[in-house]
Amino acid sequence: MGAMSRIMREINNLYKLNDNIYEIIYFDDIKLKLVVNFIGPKDTPYEDIHITVNFIYPSVYPFKPPLIFITPIFHPNITSTGALIISTLTGNDWSPALNLISILWTITSLLHEPLTCEHVLYNDKGKEEIDDMEEIKETCANEEALRLWKEDIVQLREINLTL
């Protein structure tokens, strides 16, 4: 099965899910680009924020992951350009079993609970080979973002409790 037929099947599965959370707003079947919108999840700093996820699929998809860019937001696992820092979706841990729905669910889960530097740099087998030292520096620098993110969540919960 080619990349195009796999992508179309995944898009159809997203429509069948019919959860009204994710909305496909653009698809280019020539350049294999897809854009999906959703609203940030409740009880997170991203609640009610419009989030856009851009996918650029390689011609060998699903054997190689799509490039994924999200609306740049202050988040420990998202760079200032919107690139995701999570090896499951972008690195050596990619699996052809992953699909559009699982990627979107992973992104939504990250908005609820960011991964720490250790989660990003280590897999369940122990230390993994790290190719990009700049990515490591940026990921660990984002530990400060994680700390601030958790403080924001605590403050939001306190505000909601007093309302």
Protein backbone atom coordinates (compact mmCIF):
# COMPACT_ATOMS: atom_id res chain seq x y z
CA MET A 1 0.00 0.00 0.00
CA GLY A 2 1.38 3.41 -0.97
CA ALA A 3 1.63 6.46 1.25
CA MET A 4 -1.37 8.13 -0.38
CA SER A 5 -3.76 5.22 0.18
CA ARG A 6 -2.58 4.85 3.78
CA ILE A 7 -3.09 8.57 4.47
CA MET A 8 -6.57 8.49 2.90
CA ARG A 9 -7.52 5.49 5.05
CA GLU A 10 -6.32 7.34 8.17
CA ILE A 11 -8.29 10.45 7.21
CA ASN A 12 -11.40 8.31 6.71
CA ASN A 13 -10.85 6.69 10.11
CA LEU A 14 -10.62 10.13 11.69
CA TYR A 15 -13.96 11.07 10.09
CA LYS A 16 -15.50 7.79 11.28
CA LEU A 17 -14.36 8.55 14.81
CA ASN A 18 -16.79 11.49 14.64
CA ASP A 19 -15.69 12.93 17.97
CA ASN A 20 -15.90 16.55 16.80
CA ILE A 21 -12.54 17.26 18.41
CA TYR A 22 -10.28 17.20 15.36
CA GLU A 23 -11.08 19.02 12.13
CA ILE A 24 -9.20 18.50 8.88
CA ILE A 25 -8.92 21.92 7.28
CA TYR A 26 -6.51 21.21 4.43
CA PHE A 27 -5.20 18.23 2.48
CA ASP A 28 -2.90 18.31 -0.53
CA ASP A 29 -2.79 14.87 -2.12
CA ILE A 30 0.09 15.87 -4.42
CA LYS A 31 2.46 17.24 -1.79
CA LEU A 32 1.11 14.90 0.92
CA LYS A 33 0.37 17.76 3.33
CA LEU A 34 -2.39 17.68 5.90
CA VAL A 35 -3.53 20.34 8.37
CA VAL A 36 -5.70 19.50 11.37
CA ASN A 37 -7.23 21.91 13.90
CA PHE A 38 -8.48 21.24 17.39
CA ILE A 39 -9.26 23.19 20.54
CA GLY A 40 -6.85 22.83 23.45
CA PRO A 41 -8.07 20.34 26.05
CA LYS A 42 -9.96 21.37 29.19
CA ASP A 43 -8.09 21.80 32.46
CA THR A 44 -4.83 22.67 30.72
CA PRO A 45 -3.16 26.02 30.04
CA TYR A 46 -4.21 25.46 26.41
CA GLU A 47 -7.95 25.24 27.09
CA ASP A 48 -9.97 26.99 24.38
CA ILE A 49 -6.86 27.78 22.30
CA HIS A 50 -7.05 26.87 18.61
CA ILE A 51 -4.22 24.46 17.90
CA THR A 52 -3.10 23.63 14.37
CA VAL A 53 -1.08 20.53 13.52
CA ASN A 54 0.70 20.41 10.16
CA PHE A 55 1.74 17.05 8.73
CA ILE A 56 4.13 16.64 5.81
CA TYR A 57 4.25 12.99 4.84
CA PRO A 58 7.26 11.33 3.17
CA SER A 59 6.63 9.21 0.09
CA VAL A 60 7.67 6.15 2.12
CA TYR A 61 5.10 6.74 4.86
CA PRO A 62 4.32 4.83 7.13
CA PHE A 63 7.86 3.46 7.23
CA LYS A 64 9.19 6.93 8.00
CA PRO A 65 7.31 9.42 10.21
CA PRO A 66 5.67 12.55 8.88
CA LEU A 67 7.17 15.90 9.74
CA ILE A 68 4.85 17.31 12.37
CA PHE A 69 4.61 20.96 13.36
CA ILE A 70 2.14 22.30 15.90
CA THR A 71 1.10 25.85 16.70
CA PRO A 72 4.10 27.24 18.61
CA ILE A 73 3.05 27.31 22.26
CA PHE A 74 4.95 27.48 25.53
CA HIS A 75 5.38 23.76 26.22
CA PRO A 76 8.34 21.60 27.27
CA ASN A 77 7.94 19.19 24.32
CA ILE A 78 7.34 21.78 21.60
CA THR A 79 10.08 24.02 20.23
CA SER A 80 9.64 27.70 19.49
CA THR A 81 9.11 26.76 15.83
CA GLY A 82 6.40 24.22 16.68
CA ALA A 83 8.48 21.07 16.21
CA LEU A 84 7.67 18.21 18.57
CA ILE A 85 10.38 16.80 20.81
CA ILE A 86 9.24 13.24 21.32
CA SER A 87 11.11 10.32 19.81
CA THR A 88 7.99 8.17 19.41
CA LEU A 89 6.64 10.56 16.78
CA THR A 90 9.79 11.98 15.26
CA GLY A 91 12.77 9.75 15.96
CA ASN A 92 14.10 6.27 16.17
CA ASP A 93 11.08 5.04 18.13
CA TRP A 94 8.67 5.67 15.22
CA SER A 95 6.54 2.67 14.31
CA PRO A 96 4.52 2.11 11.12
CA ALA A 97 1.69 1.03 13.44
CA LEU A 98 1.23 4.68 14.45
CA ASN A 99 -1.37 6.63 12.51
CA LEU A 100 -3.11 9.99 12.29
CA ILE A 101 -5.44 9.30 15.22
CA SER A 102 -2.70 7.97 17.50
CA ILE A 103 -0.49 10.97 16.65
CA LEU A 104 -3.27 13.44 17.45
CA TRP A 105 -4.08 11.61 20.69
CA THR A 106 -0.39 11.69 21.65
CA ILE A 107 -0.24 15.44 21.03
CA THR A 108 -3.42 15.96 23.07
CA SER A 109 -1.95 13.83 25.88
CA LEU A 110 1.22 15.93 25.85
CA LEU A 111 -0.89 19.02 26.40
CA HIS A 112 -2.30 17.35 29.52
CA GLU A 113 1.00 15.96 30.81
CA PRO A 114 4.32 16.93 29.20
CA LEU A 115 7.15 14.44 29.06
CA THR A 116 10.24 15.26 31.08
CA CYS A 117 13.77 15.36 29.72
CA GLU A 118 14.31 11.78 30.89
CA HIS A 119 11.24 10.54 29.00
CA VAL A 120 12.40 12.22 25.85
CA LEU A 121 16.00 11.04 26.06
CA TYR A 122 15.52 7.47 27.24
CA ASN A 123 13.38 4.68 25.96
CA ASP A 124 12.15 1.69 27.96
CA LYS A 125 15.29 -0.29 27.03
CA GLY A 126 17.60 2.21 28.70
CA LYS A 127 19.74 4.84 27.07
CA GLU A 128 19.09 5.27 23.39
CA GLU A 129 21.46 6.53 20.75
CA ILE A 130 21.14 10.31 20.53
CA ASP A 131 21.97 11.84 17.15
CA ASP A 132 21.12 15.51 17.62
CA MET A 133 22.84 17.23 20.55
CA GLU A 134 21.01 20.49 19.84
CA GLU A 135 17.70 18.68 20.34
CA ILE A 136 18.94 17.38 23.70
CA LYS A 137 20.00 20.87 24.81
CA GLU A 138 16.66 22.33 23.79
CA THR A 139 14.73 19.50 25.44
CA CYS A 140 16.54 19.83 28.74
CA ALA A 141 16.27 23.62 28.58
CA ASN A 142 12.56 23.05 28.31
CA GLU A 143 12.61 21.48 31.78
CA GLU A 144 12.13 25.05 32.99
CA ALA A 145 9.07 25.26 30.74
CA LEU A 146 7.78 22.05 32.34
CA ARG A 147 8.20 23.50 35.83
CA LEU A 148 6.37 26.70 34.83
CA TRP A 149 3.68 24.67 33.04
CA LYS A 150 3.01 22.66 36.22
CA GLU A 151 2.83 25.88 38.26
CA ASP A 152 0.26 27.27 35.81
CA ILE A 153 -1.85 24.11 36.15
CA VAL A 154 -1.81 24.39 39.96
CA GLN A 155 -2.81 28.06 39.75
CA LEU A 156 -5.60 27.31 37.27
CA ARG A 157 -6.97 24.58 39.51
CA GLU A 158 -6.84 26.88 42.55
CA ILE A 159 -8.71 29.60 40.63
CA ASN A 160 -11.35 27.11 39.48
CA LEU A 161 -11.83 25.83 43.02
CA THR A 162 -12.51 29.34 44.31
CA LEU A 163 -15.05 30.20 41.59
